[in-house]
Every structure is written in C-alpha cells, then in structure tokens.
Amino acid sequence: MDSREVQISQAVPLSQMSQGAELTPPGMASLTMFTGNTGQRVEWKQLLEAMDAADVIVMGEAHTDARGHVIQAAIINAAGQRWGGLTLSLEEFDRSQQAELDAYARGEMTAAELKTVRAFVMPGIRENWMEWSLPKIDAARQAEAYLLASNAPLKYSRIVRNSGCDNLPELSAEELALFECPAVAEDAEYKKRFVKKITASVNGNKVAGLKPLKEEQTDKMFRAFRVWDATMAASIVQARADGAEKVLHVVGSQHSDFNGGLIQELRYRDADSRLLVICLAPKRSSRLLDADQGRADIVIYTRN
C-alpha cells in the first residue's frame, strides 16, 4: 500500500469516527473489519465515517461470495441514506449498456430484463444474480443514486487482447468512446498475481477439459484485463468531473487489491480525489491476517 493509500485510510482518525454515525444495520454487528495498514479494528460507524472522508470508494468483492454481496448491499443502502449526489459504478455493466441501466432506474425495465443485458455471465453468478447483484442496484435506485455502466464491452477488450493498443483496427469515434487503453505502465507484481490466479483457475478446471495456459495466452489475457481497469477508472473520473459528489464502485477485488491496476489508473487519472479502497474477503479471522497486510485501506472478513 503506498503512502497516499495510508493517508486516505487515516483521513479521519478512528477515535473520531463514531460521533454522529448511523446505527449498525441488522446482521452487520458481527462483522470483523480492520485497517489494512495497522490491523486496527474498525466498527460499522467508523467504516461510514471513513467513507465520509472519501470522494471515490472502491469495494472489491469475490464475485461468488454470497455473504459479501449482502454486506455490500447494506453499505450501499447506508451510503444512499447518508449522501446526496451518489453514483454507484458497476463493473458488471459496460458503457454500451448505459441506456438499459437508465431505463431500469426510471422503472421502464424489469429486473428480469436487466439481467439479460449484463456484460459478464459466469454461470454461477448468472444463476444467483437476483439474490446477489440486484439488491445492490435496487438499494442505489431507491436512494436515487445514479447507476453507472463503467466497464468496456467484451468486444473491444478482446480486440486489445489480440492486437494490443498500439495496433488497433480502424474504429469509429463511437466505438473508441466505449473503452480506454491503459494510461499507466504495466506493473510486474500486478501481472504476477493475475497470471497466478488465472493459471490456477484454468489448470485446475479438469471438468471443462481446458489445456494449460501458455505465456503468450496469459499476456493477451492480461492486456484485456488492463483495458477493464483503464475503462472503469476513466468512467469513474468522468463521473466525478460531471458532478458526482461521491462515487462508489463495485468490482472484483483482483482489480483493486494491493494497489491493483484499477487503483493505479484512478490515481494517475485523478490525483486530487480522495480514494478509499475496501476489500471484502471471504475469510474468517479475529485479526488482520498477515497475507492481507496492505490489501486495502479496510479489509472486511465476510465469514465471521
């Protein structure tokens, strides 16, 4: 975690955070949360006060963590009650799907219809979308928060995966507006974590009969992954420029953990906004685990 992240996590001293904060909602009293730099225990009131001090809040999730989704919905609900001018930015919807999110926000589209336009359709997530993802969207909609489709369409991340940003085919201005190329240099440690995770996932999936990944393949996959980082970051920065008082972004934690690519892109593109990074880790512990030191400003263990 770099010095800026530490400063943000300490923007409001923990001893001063509890005054005037909201009551802990049902089911959240047992949460175990810690500062990612010192391991100091964080209570619900303190979490909200830390969010008060930030302009952009990134919530990194494990996509299939049911309890994590419940906690996120509670956080979004509290945020919607607490602040006006809130934007909920969503990794799972890409820029080409903004009109559908707008229609849902206006009540012109049903949840079932919205589910069919999602960008990412992993079977386990798709089957549980109504229980996992929809409550977060509805909490924001009820608070009249703006719903932001922040990611890049798969079509264009695949183009970059295969061609690279320096060798793009001819694209229209409308197409170029749907994705961003990275603004920061490739980070070796970030790539190492990505390759380790994707390799383990593919090589361990014996049911699908997938062949082990080669370095050329992981290089291309990482290029696409960084397009998502860059596009989401640019969408968040633009939302702030357009007047969003506070942006809360929901994303897979691989993008945000340990100063991940999304966080690097955000800092580069908007050095002035105060950033708070939260990780919801599907683990059980009464203290900050050594492996989670520096993972985020605040680490929430969802198994407790």
C-alpha atoms as a PDB file:
ATOM      1  CA  MET A   1       0.000   0.000   0.000  1.00  0.00           C
ATOM      2  CA  ASP A   2       1.586   3.336  -0.957  1.00  0.00           C
ATOM      3  CA  SER A   3       1.696   6.486   1.141  1.00  0.00           C
ATOM      4  CA  ARG A   4      -1.374   8.007  -0.473  1.00  0.00           C
ATOM      5  CA  GLU A   5      -3.498   4.964   0.422  1.00  0.00           C
ATOM      6  CA  VAL A   6      -2.279   5.059   4.021  1.00  0.00           C
ATOM      7  CA  GLN A   7      -3.114   8.744   4.247  1.00  0.00           C
ATOM      8  CA  ILE A   8      -6.621   8.142   2.959  1.00  0.00           C
ATOM      9  CA  SER A   9      -7.250   5.345   5.449  1.00  0.00           C
ATOM     10  CA  GLN A  10      -6.137   7.720   8.203  1.00  0.00           C
ATOM     11  CA  ALA A  11      -8.024  10.740   6.827  1.00  0.00           C
ATOM     12  CA  VAL A  12     -10.431  10.519   9.769  1.00  0.00           C
ATOM     13  CA  PRO A  13      -8.746   9.157  12.935  1.00  0.00           C
ATOM     14  CA  LEU A  14     -10.599   6.106  14.202  1.00  0.00           C
ATOM     15  CA  SER A  15     -11.035   7.725  17.604  1.00  0.00           C
ATOM     16  CA  GLN A  16     -13.060  10.497  15.960  1.00  0.00           C
ATOM     17  CA  MET A  17     -15.154   8.466  13.530  1.00  0.00           C
ATOM     18  CA  SER A  18     -18.018   7.260  15.686  1.00  0.00           C
ATOM     19  CA  GLN A  19     -19.687  10.555  16.541  1.00  0.00           C
ATOM     20  CA  GLY A  20     -22.895  11.132  14.590  1.00  0.00           C
ATOM     21  CA  ALA A  21     -22.611   7.937  12.572  1.00  0.00           C
ATOM     22  CA  GLU A  22     -25.603   5.722  11.794  1.00  0.00           C
ATOM     23  CA  LEU A  23     -26.667   2.717  13.807  1.00  0.00           C
ATOM     24  CA  THR A  24     -25.363  -0.656  12.717  1.00  0.00           C
ATOM     25  CA  PRO A  25     -27.974  -2.315  10.458  1.00  0.00           C
ATOM     26  CA  PRO A  26     -29.331  -5.790  11.248  1.00  0.00           C
ATOM     27  CA  GLY A  27     -26.832  -8.556  10.620  1.00  0.00           C
ATOM     28  CA  MET A  28     -23.805  -6.267  10.445  1.00  0.00           C
ATOM     29  CA  ALA A  29     -22.865  -6.125  14.138  1.00  0.00           C
ATOM     30  CA  SER A  30     -20.771  -9.290  13.884  1.00  0.00           C
ATOM     31  CA  LEU A  31     -18.589  -8.018  11.043  1.00  0.00           C
ATOM     32  CA  THR A  32     -14.846  -8.116  11.594  1.00  0.00           C
ATOM     33  CA  MET A  33     -13.159  -5.231   9.811  1.00  0.00           C
ATOM     34  CA  PHE A  34      -9.611  -3.928  10.069  1.00  0.00           C
ATOM     35  CA  THR A  35      -7.454  -1.171   8.681  1.00  0.00           C
ATOM     36  CA  GLY A  36      -5.223  -2.733   6.082  1.00  0.00           C
ATOM     37  CA  ASN A  37      -2.091  -0.942   7.200  1.00  0.00           C
ATOM     38  CA  THR A  38      -2.161  -1.292  11.011  1.00  0.00           C
ATOM     39  CA  GLY A  39      -4.725  -4.039  11.605  1.00  0.00           C
ATOM     40  CA  GLN A  40      -6.753  -1.806  13.905  1.00  0.00           C
ATOM     41  CA  ARG A  41     -10.345  -2.988  14.413  1.00  0.00           C
ATOM     42  CA  VAL A  42     -12.989  -0.962  12.552  1.00  0.00           C
ATOM     43  CA  GLU A  43     -16.638  -0.749  13.620  1.00  0.00           C
ATOM     44  CA  TRP A  44     -19.603  -0.054  11.328  1.00  0.00           C
ATOM     45  CA  LYS A  45     -19.832   3.587  12.386  1.00  0.00           C
ATOM     46  CA  GLN A  46     -16.152   4.039  11.707  1.00  0.00           C
ATOM     47  CA  LEU A  47     -16.481   2.473   8.271  1.00  0.00           C
ATOM     48  CA  LEU A  48     -19.118   5.024   7.304  1.00  0.00           C
ATOM     49  CA  GLU A  49     -17.042   7.893   8.648  1.00  0.00           C
ATOM     50  CA  ALA A  50     -14.064   6.687   6.620  1.00  0.00           C
ATOM     51  CA  MET A  51     -16.349   6.696   3.575  1.00  0.00           C
ATOM     52  CA  ASP A  52     -17.443  10.222   4.503  1.00  0.00           C
ATOM     53  CA  ALA A  53     -13.844  11.350   4.047  1.00  0.00           C
ATOM     54  CA  ALA A  54     -13.522   9.865   0.539  1.00  0.00           C
ATOM     55  CA  ASP A  55     -14.642  11.060  -2.887  1.00  0.00           C
ATOM     56  CA  VAL A  56     -14.254   7.666  -4.556  1.00  0.00           C
ATOM     57  CA  ILE A  57     -14.856   4.381  -2.737  1.00  0.00           C
ATOM     58  CA  VAL A  58     -13.832   1.102  -4.361  1.00  0.00           C
ATOM     59  CA  MET A  59     -15.407  -2.064  -2.949  1.00  0.00           C
ATOM     60  CA  GLY A  60     -13.502  -5.130  -4.083  1.00  0.00           C
ATOM     61  CA  GLU A  61     -15.561  -8.318  -3.920  1.00  0.00           C
ATOM     62  CA  ALA A  62     -15.233 -12.028  -4.536  1.00  0.00           C
ATOM     63  CA  HIS A  63     -17.897 -12.448  -7.222  1.00  0.00           C
ATOM     64  CA  THR A  64     -19.332 -15.674  -5.774  1.00  0.00           C
ATOM     65  CA  ASP A  65     -19.281 -14.642  -2.100  1.00  0.00           C
ATOM     66  CA  ALA A  66     -22.966 -14.588  -1.133  1.00  0.00           C
ATOM     67  CA  ARG A  67     -22.336 -13.040   2.283  1.00  0.00           C
ATOM     68  CA  GLY A  68     -20.102 -10.411   0.719  1.00  0.00           C
ATOM     69  CA  HIS A  69     -22.938  -9.303  -1.552  1.00  0.00           C
ATOM     70  CA  VAL A  70     -25.260  -8.916   1.452  1.00  0.00           C
ATOM     71  CA  ILE A  71     -22.679  -6.750   3.198  1.00  0.00           C
ATOM     72  CA  GLN A  72     -22.194  -4.629   0.093  1.00  0.00           C
ATOM     73  CA  ALA A  73     -25.935  -4.067  -0.212  1.00  0.00           C
ATOM     74  CA  ALA A  74     -26.012  -2.879   3.403  1.00  0.00           C
ATOM     75  CA  ILE A  75     -23.126  -0.495   2.745  1.00  0.00           C
ATOM     76  CA  ILE A  76     -24.774   0.877  -0.392  1.00  0.00           C
ATOM     77  CA  ASN A  77     -28.075   1.285   1.444  1.00  0.00           C
ATOM     78  CA  ALA A  78     -26.338   3.238   4.211  1.00  0.00           C
ATOM     79  CA  ALA A  79     -24.461   5.321   1.650  1.00  0.00           C
ATOM     80  CA  GLY A  80     -27.679   6.180  -0.161  1.00  0.00           C
ATOM     81  CA  GLN A  81     -29.283   7.372   3.071  1.00  0.00           C
ATOM     82  CA  ARG A  82     -26.194   9.305   4.087  1.00  0.00           C
ATOM     83  CA  TRP A  83     -25.157  11.232   0.985  1.00  0.00           C
ATOM     84  CA  GLY A  84     -26.829  13.003  -1.902  1.00  0.00           C
ATOM     85  CA  GLY A  85     -25.163  13.062  -5.291  1.00  0.00           C
ATOM     86  CA  LEU A  86     -24.104   9.418  -5.032  1.00  0.00           C
ATOM     87  CA  THR A  87     -23.154   7.409  -8.109  1.00  0.00           C
ATOM     88  CA  LEU A  88     -22.998   3.613  -7.979  1.00  0.00           C
ATOM     89  CA  SER A  89     -20.479   2.455 -10.571  1.00  0.00           C
ATOM     90  CA  LEU A  90     -20.762  -1.162 -11.698  1.00  0.00           C
ATOM     91  CA  GLU A  91     -18.075  -3.373 -13.200  1.00  0.00           C
ATOM     92  CA  GLU A  92     -20.667  -5.843 -14.455  1.00  0.00           C
ATOM     93  CA  PHE A  93     -22.229  -3.400 -16.943  1.00  0.00           C
ATOM     94  CA  ASP A  94     -20.281  -1.926 -19.840  1.00  0.00           C
ATOM     95  CA  ARG A  95     -20.569   1.519 -21.388  1.00  0.00           C
ATOM     96  CA  SER A  96     -22.719   0.282 -24.261  1.00  0.00           C
ATOM     97  CA  GLN A  97     -25.368  -0.747 -21.701  1.00  0.00           C
ATOM     98  CA  GLN A  98     -25.838   2.628 -20.013  1.00  0.00           C
ATOM     99  CA  ALA A  99     -29.217   3.138 -21.672  1.00  0.00           C
ATOM    100  CA  GLU A 100     -30.512  -0.090 -20.125  1.00  0.00           C
ATOM    101  CA  LEU A 101     -29.351   0.925 -16.645  1.00  0.00           C
ATOM    102  CA  ASP A 102     -31.017   4.308 -17.150  1.00  0.00           C
ATOM    103  CA  ALA A 103     -34.242   2.602 -18.200  1.00  0.00           C
ATOM    104  CA  TYR A 104     -34.180   0.396 -15.115  1.00  0.00           C
ATOM    105  CA  ALA A 105     -33.560   3.418 -12.900  1.00  0.00           C
ATOM    106  CA  ARG A 106     -36.651   5.084 -14.402  1.00  0.00           C
ATOM    107  CA  GLY A 107     -38.769   1.971 -13.865  1.00  0.00           C
ATOM    108  CA  GLU A 108     -39.068   1.303 -17.599  1.00  0.00           C
ATOM    109  CA  MET A 109     -37.324  -2.079 -17.464  1.00  0.00           C
ATOM    110  CA  THR A 110     -37.860  -5.033 -15.159  1.00  0.00           C
ATOM    111  CA  ALA A 111     -35.116  -6.735 -13.176  1.00  0.00           C
ATOM    112  CA  ALA A 112     -35.520  -9.840 -15.327  1.00  0.00           C
ATOM    113  CA  GLU A 113     -34.969  -7.745 -18.449  1.00  0.00           C
ATOM    114  CA  LEU A 114     -31.952  -6.020 -16.927  1.00  0.00           C
ATOM    115  CA  LYS A 115     -30.408  -9.371 -16.075  1.00  0.00           C
ATOM    116  CA  THR A 116     -30.352 -10.330 -19.751  1.00  0.00           C
ATOM    117  CA  VAL A 117     -28.149  -7.364 -20.759  1.00  0.00           C
ATOM    118  CA  ARG A 118     -25.359  -7.925 -18.243  1.00  0.00           C
ATOM    119  CA  ALA A 119     -21.824  -7.847 -19.587  1.00  0.00           C
ATOM    120  CA  PHE A 120     -20.452 -10.758 -17.573  1.00  0.00           C
ATOM    121  CA  VAL A 121     -22.326 -14.027 -17.483  1.00  0.00           C
ATOM    122  CA  MET A 122     -20.322 -16.585 -15.486  1.00  0.00           C
ATOM    123  CA  PRO A 123     -22.847 -19.376 -14.796  1.00  0.00           C
ATOM    124  CA  GLY A 124     -22.543 -19.245 -11.003  1.00  0.00           C
ATOM    125  CA  ILE A 125     -23.094 -15.503 -10.984  1.00  0.00           C
ATOM    126  CA  ARG A 126     -25.872 -15.559 -13.565  1.00  0.00           C
ATOM    127  CA  GLU A 127     -27.854 -18.136 -11.600  1.00  0.00           C
ATOM    128  CA  ASN A 128     -27.665 -16.046  -8.408  1.00  0.00           C
ATOM    129  CA  TRP A 129     -27.821 -12.572  -9.932  1.00  0.00           C
ATOM    130  CA  MET A 130     -31.236 -11.727  -8.486  1.00  0.00           C
ATOM    131  CA  GLU A 131     -30.078 -12.583  -4.957  1.00  0.00           C
ATOM    132  CA  TRP A 132     -26.513 -11.271  -5.169  1.00  0.00           C
ATOM    133  CA  SER A 133     -26.356  -8.276  -7.502  1.00  0.00           C
ATOM    134  CA  LEU A 134     -29.866  -6.893  -7.794  1.00  0.00           C
ATOM    135  CA  PRO A 135     -30.204  -5.839  -4.103  1.00  0.00           C
ATOM    136  CA  LYS A 136     -27.172  -3.589  -4.519  1.00  0.00           C
ATOM    137  CA  ILE A 137     -28.602  -1.964  -7.622  1.00  0.00           C
ATOM    138  CA  ASP A 138     -32.013  -1.564  -6.013  1.00  0.00           C
ATOM    139  CA  ALA A 139     -30.529  -0.011  -2.868  1.00  0.00           C
ATOM    140  CA  ALA A 140     -28.898   2.632  -5.047  1.00  0.00           C
ATOM    141  CA  ARG A 141     -32.020   3.146  -7.148  1.00  0.00           C
ATOM    142  CA  GLN A 142     -34.196   3.653  -4.074  1.00  0.00           C
ATOM    143  CA  ALA A 143     -31.766   6.333  -2.917  1.00  0.00           C
ATOM    144  CA  GLU A 144     -31.992   7.968  -6.365  1.00  0.00           C
ATOM    145  CA  ALA A 145     -28.289   7.377  -6.893  1.00  0.00           C
ATOM    146  CA  TYR A 146     -27.050   7.378 -10.465  1.00  0.00           C
ATOM    147  CA  LEU A 147     -26.273   3.920 -11.866  1.00  0.00           C
ATOM    148  CA  LEU A 148     -23.096   3.963 -13.960  1.00  0.00           C
ATOM    149  CA  ALA A 149     -22.191   1.293 -16.513  1.00  0.00           C
ATOM    150  CA  SER A 150     -18.445   1.698 -16.234  1.00  0.00           C
ATOM    151  CA  ASN A 151     -16.718  -1.186 -17.976  1.00  0.00           C
ATOM    152  CA  ALA A 152     -15.540  -1.879 -21.517  1.00  0.00           C
ATOM    153  CA  PRO A 153     -17.595  -4.121 -23.811  1.00  0.00           C
ATOM    154  CA  LEU A 154     -16.040  -7.549 -24.236  1.00  0.00           C
ATOM    155  CA  LYS A 155     -15.782  -6.944 -27.980  1.00  0.00           C
ATOM    156  CA  TYR A 156     -13.193  -4.223 -27.505  1.00  0.00           C
ATOM    157  CA  SER A 157     -11.220  -5.787 -24.672  1.00  0.00           C
ATOM    158  CA  ARG A 158     -10.885  -8.811 -26.955  1.00  0.00           C
ATOM    159  CA  ILE A 159      -9.633  -6.597 -29.779  1.00  0.00           C
ATOM    160  CA  VAL A 160      -6.936  -5.206 -27.499  1.00  0.00           C
ATOM    161  CA  ARG A 161      -6.180  -8.680 -26.201  1.00  0.00           C
ATOM    162  CA  ASN A 162      -5.384  -9.857 -29.720  1.00  0.00           C
ATOM    163  CA  SER A 163      -3.931  -6.700 -31.292  1.00  0.00           C
ATOM    164  CA  GLY A 164      -2.689  -4.514 -28.465  1.00  0.00           C
ATOM    165  CA  CYS A 165      -3.491  -0.839 -28.019  1.00  0.00           C
ATOM    166  CA  ASP A 166      -0.725   0.187 -30.430  1.00  0.00           C
ATOM    167  CA  ASN A 167      -2.145  -1.812 -33.301  1.00  0.00           C
ATOM    168  CA  LEU A 168      -5.900  -1.283 -33.171  1.00  0.00           C
ATOM    169  CA  PRO A 169      -8.010  -1.800 -36.286  1.00  0.00           C
ATOM    170  CA  GLU A 170      -9.869   1.175 -37.684  1.00  0.00           C
ATOM    171  CA  LEU A 171     -12.666   2.053 -35.264  1.00  0.00           C
ATOM    172  CA  SER A 172     -15.282   4.790 -35.316  1.00  0.00           C
ATOM    173  CA  ALA A 173     -15.351   7.588 -32.753  1.00  0.00           C
ATOM    174  CA  GLU A 174     -18.413   5.943 -31.221  1.00  0.00           C
ATOM    175  CA  GLU A 175     -16.539   2.669 -30.805  1.00  0.00           C
ATOM    176  CA  LEU A 176     -13.439   4.342 -29.378  1.00  0.00           C
ATOM    177  CA  ALA A 177     -15.642   6.009 -26.756  1.00  0.00           C
ATOM    178  CA  LEU A 178     -16.618   2.602 -25.366  1.00  0.00           C
ATOM    179  CA  PHE A 179     -13.201   1.631 -23.988  1.00  0.00           C
ATOM    180  CA  GLU A 180      -9.890   3.025 -22.785  1.00  0.00           C
ATOM    181  CA  CYS A 181      -6.324   1.861 -23.117  1.00  0.00           C
ATOM    182  CA  PRO A 182      -4.130   1.887 -20.002  1.00  0.00           C
ATOM    183  CA  ALA A 183      -2.570   5.198 -19.013  1.00  0.00           C
ATOM    184  CA  VAL A 184      -0.026   3.680 -16.629  1.00  0.00           C
ATOM    185  CA  ALA A 185       2.834   1.322 -17.352  1.00  0.00           C
ATOM    186  CA  GLU A 186       2.386  -2.396 -16.827  1.00  0.00           C
ATOM    187  CA  ASP A 187       3.072  -3.364 -13.207  1.00  0.00           C
ATOM    188  CA  ALA A 188       5.093  -6.552 -12.800  1.00  0.00           C
ATOM    189  CA  GLU A 189       3.677  -7.528  -9.399  1.00  0.00           C
ATOM    190  CA  TYR A 190       0.100  -6.937 -10.544  1.00  0.00           C
ATOM    191  CA  LYS A 191       0.699  -9.089 -13.608  1.00  0.00           C
ATOM    192  CA  LYS A 192       2.294 -11.804 -11.494  1.00  0.00           C
ATOM    193  CA  ARG A 193      -0.804 -12.002  -9.267  1.00  0.00           C
ATOM    194  CA  PHE A 194      -3.093 -12.066 -12.296  1.00  0.00           C
ATOM    195  CA  VAL A 195      -1.166 -14.833 -14.040  1.00  0.00           C
ATOM    196  CA  LYS A 196      -1.004 -16.918 -10.877  1.00  0.00           C
ATOM    197  CA  LYS A 197      -4.751 -16.700 -10.345  1.00  0.00           C
ATOM    198  CA  ILE A 198      -5.857 -17.241 -13.926  1.00  0.00           C
ATOM    199  CA  THR A 199      -3.412 -20.111 -14.408  1.00  0.00           C
ATOM    200  CA  ALA A 200      -4.614 -21.854 -11.259  1.00  0.00           C
ATOM    201  CA  SER A 201      -8.228 -21.362 -12.314  1.00  0.00           C
ATOM    202  CA  VAL A 202      -7.777 -22.755 -15.818  1.00  0.00           C
ATOM    203  CA  ASN A 203      -5.318 -25.524 -14.998  1.00  0.00           C
ATOM    204  CA  GLY A 204      -7.455 -26.676 -12.086  1.00  0.00           C
ATOM    205  CA  ASN A 205     -10.663 -26.878 -14.115  1.00  0.00           C
ATOM    206  CA  LYS A 206     -10.455 -30.535 -15.124  1.00  0.00           C
ATOM    207  CA  VAL A 207     -14.212 -30.744 -15.728  1.00  0.00           C
ATOM    208  CA  ALA A 208     -14.033 -28.297 -18.630  1.00  0.00           C
ATOM    209  CA  GLY A 209     -11.026 -30.096 -20.062  1.00  0.00           C
ATOM    210  CA  LEU A 210      -9.082 -26.862 -20.579  1.00  0.00           C
ATOM    211  CA  LYS A 211      -5.467 -27.060 -21.678  1.00  0.00           C
ATOM    212  CA  PRO A 212      -2.758 -25.416 -19.529  1.00  0.00           C
ATOM    213  CA  LEU A 213      -2.216 -21.778 -20.430  1.00  0.00           C
ATOM    214  CA  LYS A 214       0.915 -20.658 -22.232  1.00  0.00           C
ATOM    215  CA  GLU A 215       2.724 -17.394 -21.532  1.00  0.00           C
ATOM    216  CA  GLU A 216       1.534 -15.876 -24.797  1.00  0.00           C
ATOM    217  CA  GLN A 217      -2.057 -16.539 -23.758  1.00  0.00           C
ATOM    218  CA  THR A 218      -1.704 -15.047 -20.277  1.00  0.00           C
ATOM    219  CA  ASP A 219      -0.002 -11.983 -21.774  1.00  0.00           C
ATOM    220  CA  LYS A 220      -3.000 -11.411 -24.025  1.00  0.00           C
ATOM    221  CA  MET A 221      -5.487 -12.024 -21.223  1.00  0.00           C
ATOM    222  CA  PHE A 222      -3.676  -9.512 -19.039  1.00  0.00           C
ATOM    223  CA  ARG A 223      -3.892  -6.908 -21.808  1.00  0.00           C
ATOM    224  CA  ALA A 224      -7.669  -7.306 -21.828  1.00  0.00           C
ATOM    225  CA  PHE A 225      -7.801  -7.171 -18.035  1.00  0.00           C
ATOM    226  CA  ARG A 226      -5.937  -3.854 -18.048  1.00  0.00           C
ATOM    227  CA  VAL A 227      -8.425  -2.418 -20.547  1.00  0.00           C
ATOM    228  CA  TRP A 228     -11.131  -3.080 -17.969  1.00  0.00           C
ATOM    229  CA  ASP A 229      -9.034  -1.323 -15.315  1.00  0.00           C
ATOM    230  CA  ALA A 230      -8.469   1.691 -17.527  1.00  0.00           C
ATOM    231  CA  THR A 231     -12.057   1.929 -18.738  1.00  0.00           C
ATOM    232  CA  MET A 232     -13.584   1.641 -15.281  1.00  0.00           C
ATOM    233  CA  ALA A 233     -11.148   4.217 -13.901  1.00  0.00           C
ATOM    234  CA  ALA A 234     -11.863   6.650 -16.723  1.00  0.00           C
ATOM    235  CA  SER A 235     -15.618   6.198 -16.238  1.00  0.00           C
ATOM    236  CA  ILE A 236     -15.291   6.972 -12.524  1.00  0.00           C
ATOM    237  CA  VAL A 237     -13.119  10.024 -13.164  1.00  0.00           C
ATOM    238  CA  GLN A 238     -15.582  11.308 -15.770  1.00  0.00           C
ATOM    239  CA  ALA A 239     -18.480  10.828 -13.357  1.00  0.00           C
ATOM    240  CA  ARG A 240     -16.653  12.986 -10.825  1.00  0.00           C
ATOM    241  CA  ALA A 241     -15.953  15.610 -13.485  1.00  0.00           C
ATOM    242  CA  ASP A 242     -19.644  15.575 -14.417  1.00  0.00           C
ATOM    243  CA  GLY A 243     -20.616  16.446 -10.846  1.00  0.00           C
ATOM    244  CA  ALA A 244     -20.914  13.215  -8.883  1.00  0.00           C
ATOM    245  CA  GLU A 245     -20.193  14.153  -5.281  1.00  0.00           C
ATOM    246  CA  LYS A 246     -19.244  10.608  -4.365  1.00  0.00           C
ATOM    247  CA  VAL A 247     -18.685   7.512  -6.499  1.00  0.00           C
ATOM    248  CA  LEU A 248     -18.976   4.026  -5.025  1.00  0.00           C
ATOM    249  CA  HIS A 249     -17.550   1.418  -7.397  1.00  0.00           C
ATOM    250  CA  VAL A 250     -18.269  -2.323  -7.116  1.00  0.00           C
ATOM    251  CA  VAL A 251     -15.603  -4.511  -8.704  1.00  0.00           C
ATOM    252  CA  GLY A 252     -13.845  -7.844  -8.440  1.00  0.00           C
ATOM    253  CA  SER A 253     -11.149  -7.464  -5.806  1.00  0.00           C
ATOM    254  CA  GLN A 254      -8.419  -8.686  -8.146  1.00  0.00           C
ATOM    255  CA  HIS A 255      -8.635  -5.263  -9.817  1.00  0.00           C
ATOM    256  CA  SER A 256      -8.198  -3.344  -6.560  1.00  0.00           C
ATOM    257  CA  ASP A 257      -6.260  -5.476  -4.058  1.00  0.00           C
ATOM    258  CA  PHE A 258      -2.675  -4.490  -3.237  1.00  0.00           C
ATOM    259  CA  ASN A 259      -2.801  -1.302  -5.311  1.00  0.00           C
ATOM    260  CA  GLY A 260      -4.156  -3.190  -8.312  1.00  0.00           C
ATOM    261  CA  GLY A 261      -4.434  -1.873 -11.832  1.00  0.00           C
ATOM    262  CA  LEU A 262      -7.744  -0.110 -11.257  1.00  0.00           C
ATOM    263  CA  ILE A 263      -6.312   1.813  -8.313  1.00  0.00           C
ATOM    264  CA  GLN A 264      -3.187   2.740 -10.259  1.00  0.00           C
ATOM    265  CA  GLU A 265      -5.305   4.040 -13.133  1.00  0.00           C
ATOM    266  CA  LEU A 266      -7.543   6.024 -10.781  1.00  0.00           C
ATOM    267  CA  ARG A 267      -4.613   7.708  -9.085  1.00  0.00           C
ATOM    268  CA  TYR A 268      -2.967   8.574 -12.378  1.00  0.00           C
ATOM    269  CA  ARG A 269      -6.127   9.968 -13.962  1.00  0.00           C
ATOM    270  CA  ASP A 270      -7.338  11.865 -10.879  1.00  0.00           C
ATOM    271  CA  ALA A 271      -4.678  12.596  -8.296  1.00  0.00           C
ATOM    272  CA  ASP A 272      -6.924  15.003  -6.383  1.00  0.00           C
ATOM    273  CA  SER A 273      -9.904  12.827  -5.445  1.00  0.00           C
ATOM    274  CA  ARG A 274      -9.680  11.157  -2.051  1.00  0.00           C
ATOM    275  CA  LEU A 275      -9.745   7.398  -2.547  1.00  0.00           C
ATOM    276  CA  LEU A 276     -10.844   4.685  -0.116  1.00  0.00           C
ATOM    277  CA  VAL A 277     -10.284   1.033  -1.047  1.00  0.00           C
ATOM    278  CA  ILE A 278     -12.289  -1.681   0.713  1.00  0.00           C
ATOM    279  CA  CYS A 279     -11.790  -5.416   0.275  1.00  0.00           C
ATOM    280  CA  LEU A 280     -14.497  -7.918   1.201  1.00  0.00           C
ATOM    281  CA  ALA A 281     -12.560 -11.139   1.694  1.00  0.00           C
ATOM    282  CA  PRO A 282     -14.383 -14.478   2.107  1.00  0.00           C
ATOM    283  CA  LYS A 283     -12.343 -15.449   5.159  1.00  0.00           C
ATOM    284  CA  ARG A 284     -12.809 -15.846   8.895  1.00  0.00           C
ATOM    285  CA  SER A 285     -10.416 -14.180  11.340  1.00  0.00           C
ATOM    286  CA  SER A 286     -10.448 -12.160  14.555  1.00  0.00           C
ATOM    287  CA  ARG A 287      -7.411 -10.174  13.426  1.00  0.00           C
ATOM    288  CA  LEU A 288      -5.907  -8.877  10.202  1.00  0.00           C
ATOM    289  CA  LEU A 289      -4.158 -11.818   8.587  1.00  0.00           C
ATOM    290  CA  ASP A 290      -0.551 -11.370   7.540  1.00  0.00           C
ATOM    291  CA  ALA A 291      -1.496 -12.216   3.954  1.00  0.00           C
ATOM    292  CA  ASP A 292      -3.930  -9.288   3.946  1.00  0.00           C
ATOM    293  CA  GLN A 293      -1.485  -6.647   5.169  1.00  0.00           C
ATOM    294  CA  GLY A 294      -1.699  -3.849   2.598  1.00  0.00           C
ATOM    295  CA  ARG A 295      -4.530  -5.477   0.651  1.00  0.00           C
ATOM    296  CA  ALA A 296      -6.812  -2.438   1.013  1.00  0.00           C
ATOM    297  CA  ASP A 297      -7.480   0.538   3.283  1.00  0.00           C
ATOM    298  CA  ILE A 298     -10.154  -1.502   5.055  1.00  0.00           C
ATOM    299  CA  VAL A 299     -10.419  -5.292   4.962  1.00  0.00           C
ATOM    300  CA  ILE A 300     -13.777  -6.886   5.794  1.00  0.00           C
ATOM    301  CA  TYR A 301     -13.884 -10.601   6.568  1.00  0.00           C
ATOM    302  CA  THR A 302     -17.232 -11.929   5.386  1.00  0.00           C
ATOM    303  CA  ARG A 303     -17.138 -15.368   7.020  1.00  0.00           C
ATOM    304  CA  ASN A 304     -17.435 -14.167  10.626  1.00  0.00           C
END
